[in-house]
Protein backbone atom coordinates (compact mmCIF):
# COMPACT_ATOMS: atom_id res chain seq x y z
CA UNK A 1 171.23 80.26 146.76
CA UNK A 2 172.77 83.69 147.22
CA UNK A 3 171.88 84.69 143.66
CA UNK A 4 168.25 83.71 144.07
CA UNK A 5 167.88 85.89 147.18
CA UNK A 6 169.39 88.87 145.32
CA UNK A 7 166.88 88.54 142.50
CA UNK A 8 163.89 88.85 144.83
CA UNK A 9 161.94 92.00 144.17
CA UNK A 10 162.06 94.54 146.95
CA UNK A 11 158.76 95.97 148.06
CA UNK A 12 158.80 99.19 150.02
CA UNK A 13 155.35 99.98 151.31
CA UNK A 14 155.51 102.85 153.72
CA UNK A 15 151.94 104.08 154.16
CA UNK A 16 152.88 106.40 157.03
CA UNK A 17 155.30 108.34 154.82
CA UNK A 18 152.92 108.72 151.88
CA UNK A 19 150.14 109.70 154.27
CA UNK A 20 152.41 112.29 155.88
CA UNK A 21 153.30 113.68 152.46
CA UNK A 22 149.65 114.16 151.56
CA UNK A 23 148.66 115.64 154.95
CA UNK A 24 151.61 118.00 155.35
CA UNK A 25 150.75 121.07 153.27
CA UNK A 26 153.90 123.24 152.96
CA UNK A 27 153.06 124.42 149.43
CA UNK A 28 152.60 122.91 146.01
CA UNK A 29 156.18 123.52 144.91
CA UNK A 30 157.66 121.98 148.04
CA UNK A 31 155.26 119.07 147.78
CA UNK A 32 156.36 118.37 144.21
CA UNK A 33 160.03 118.50 145.24
CA UNK A 34 159.37 116.16 148.18
CA UNK A 35 157.41 113.82 145.92
CA UNK A 36 160.21 113.80 143.35
CA UNK A 37 162.86 113.12 146.01
CA UNK A 38 160.83 110.31 147.59
CA UNK A 39 160.11 108.78 144.16
CA UNK A 40 163.84 108.88 143.36
CA UNK A 41 164.64 107.24 146.69
CA UNK A 42 162.14 104.44 146.07
CA UNK A 43 163.50 103.97 142.54
CA UNK A 44 166.98 103.56 144.02
CA UNK A 45 165.71 101.20 146.73
CA UNK A 46 163.62 99.24 144.26
CA UNK A 47 160.27 100.17 145.76
CA UNK A 48 157.11 101.52 144.19
CA UNK A 49 154.35 103.86 145.29
CA UNK A 50 151.46 105.82 143.86
CA UNK A 51 152.27 109.49 144.48
CA UNK A 52 149.39 111.81 145.40
CA UNK A 53 148.33 114.49 142.92
CA UNK A 54 148.95 118.11 143.82
CA UNK A 55 147.37 121.21 142.37
CA UNK A 56 149.27 124.47 142.38
CA UNK A 57 147.27 127.35 143.85
CA UNK A 58 148.39 130.62 142.33
CA UNK A 59 148.49 133.58 144.67
CA UNK A 60 147.44 137.06 143.63
CA UNK A 61 150.51 139.33 143.62
CA UNK A 62 150.62 142.34 145.93
CA UNK A 63 150.17 145.55 143.97
CA UNK A 64 150.67 148.65 146.13
CA UNK A 65 148.31 151.61 145.84
CA UNK A 66 149.61 154.83 144.32
CA UNK A 67 149.50 156.58 147.70
CA UNK A 68 151.72 153.84 149.17
CA UNK A 69 154.21 154.30 146.34
CA UNK A 70 154.20 158.06 146.92
CA UNK A 71 154.87 157.52 150.63
CA UNK A 72 157.80 155.25 149.78
CA UNK A 73 159.25 157.84 147.40
CA UNK A 74 158.81 160.62 149.99
CA UNK A 75 160.81 158.64 152.56
CA UNK A 76 163.84 158.06 150.32
CA UNK A 77 166.96 160.08 149.60
CA UNK A 78 166.67 162.59 146.72
CA UNK A 79 168.65 160.41 144.32
CA UNK A 80 166.61 157.28 145.10
CA UNK A 81 163.37 159.31 145.04
CA UNK A 82 164.17 160.51 141.50
CA UNK A 83 164.94 156.96 140.43
CA UNK A 84 161.69 155.61 141.93
CA UNK A 85 159.64 158.48 140.48
CA UNK A 86 160.92 157.69 136.98
CA UNK A 87 160.12 154.01 137.57
CA UNK A 88 156.60 154.91 138.65
CA UNK A 89 155.85 157.30 135.80
CA UNK A 90 157.42 155.45 132.88
CA UNK A 91 157.08 151.78 133.82
CA UNK A 92 160.65 151.23 132.60
CA UNK A 93 162.93 148.60 134.08
CA UNK A 94 165.72 149.46 136.53
CA UNK A 95 168.46 148.67 134.00
CA UNK A 96 166.88 150.89 131.37
CA UNK A 97 166.76 153.85 133.74
CA UNK A 98 170.35 153.33 134.91
CA UNK A 99 171.53 153.56 131.29
CA UNK A 100 169.90 156.98 130.75
CA UNK A 101 172.08 160.06 130.32
CA UNK A 102 171.14 163.53 131.50
CA UNK A 103 171.64 164.88 127.99
CA UNK A 104 168.85 162.59 126.75
CA UNK A 105 166.34 164.16 129.10
């Protein structure tokens, strides 16, 4: 009799939790992580659910205006200002500029 009760399929229906997951909107990445964690939990507990579908909304990156970059450079120390000015004018990466020698200029 004990074996037959262990073989019974577990059903975990938690509509409040799945509803809360779909209504709470922290961000697409966090939603996917929460969905994955909850799915893993239900897999461990032997339950099933139909996860909601999420669409990732891509944000437009902030690109500062040239006047804002010039103001930043003006407010820095001379060494940092030189570094930032080279970054601005050449488009090189930080590591590439750090490896430059004065004799190359």
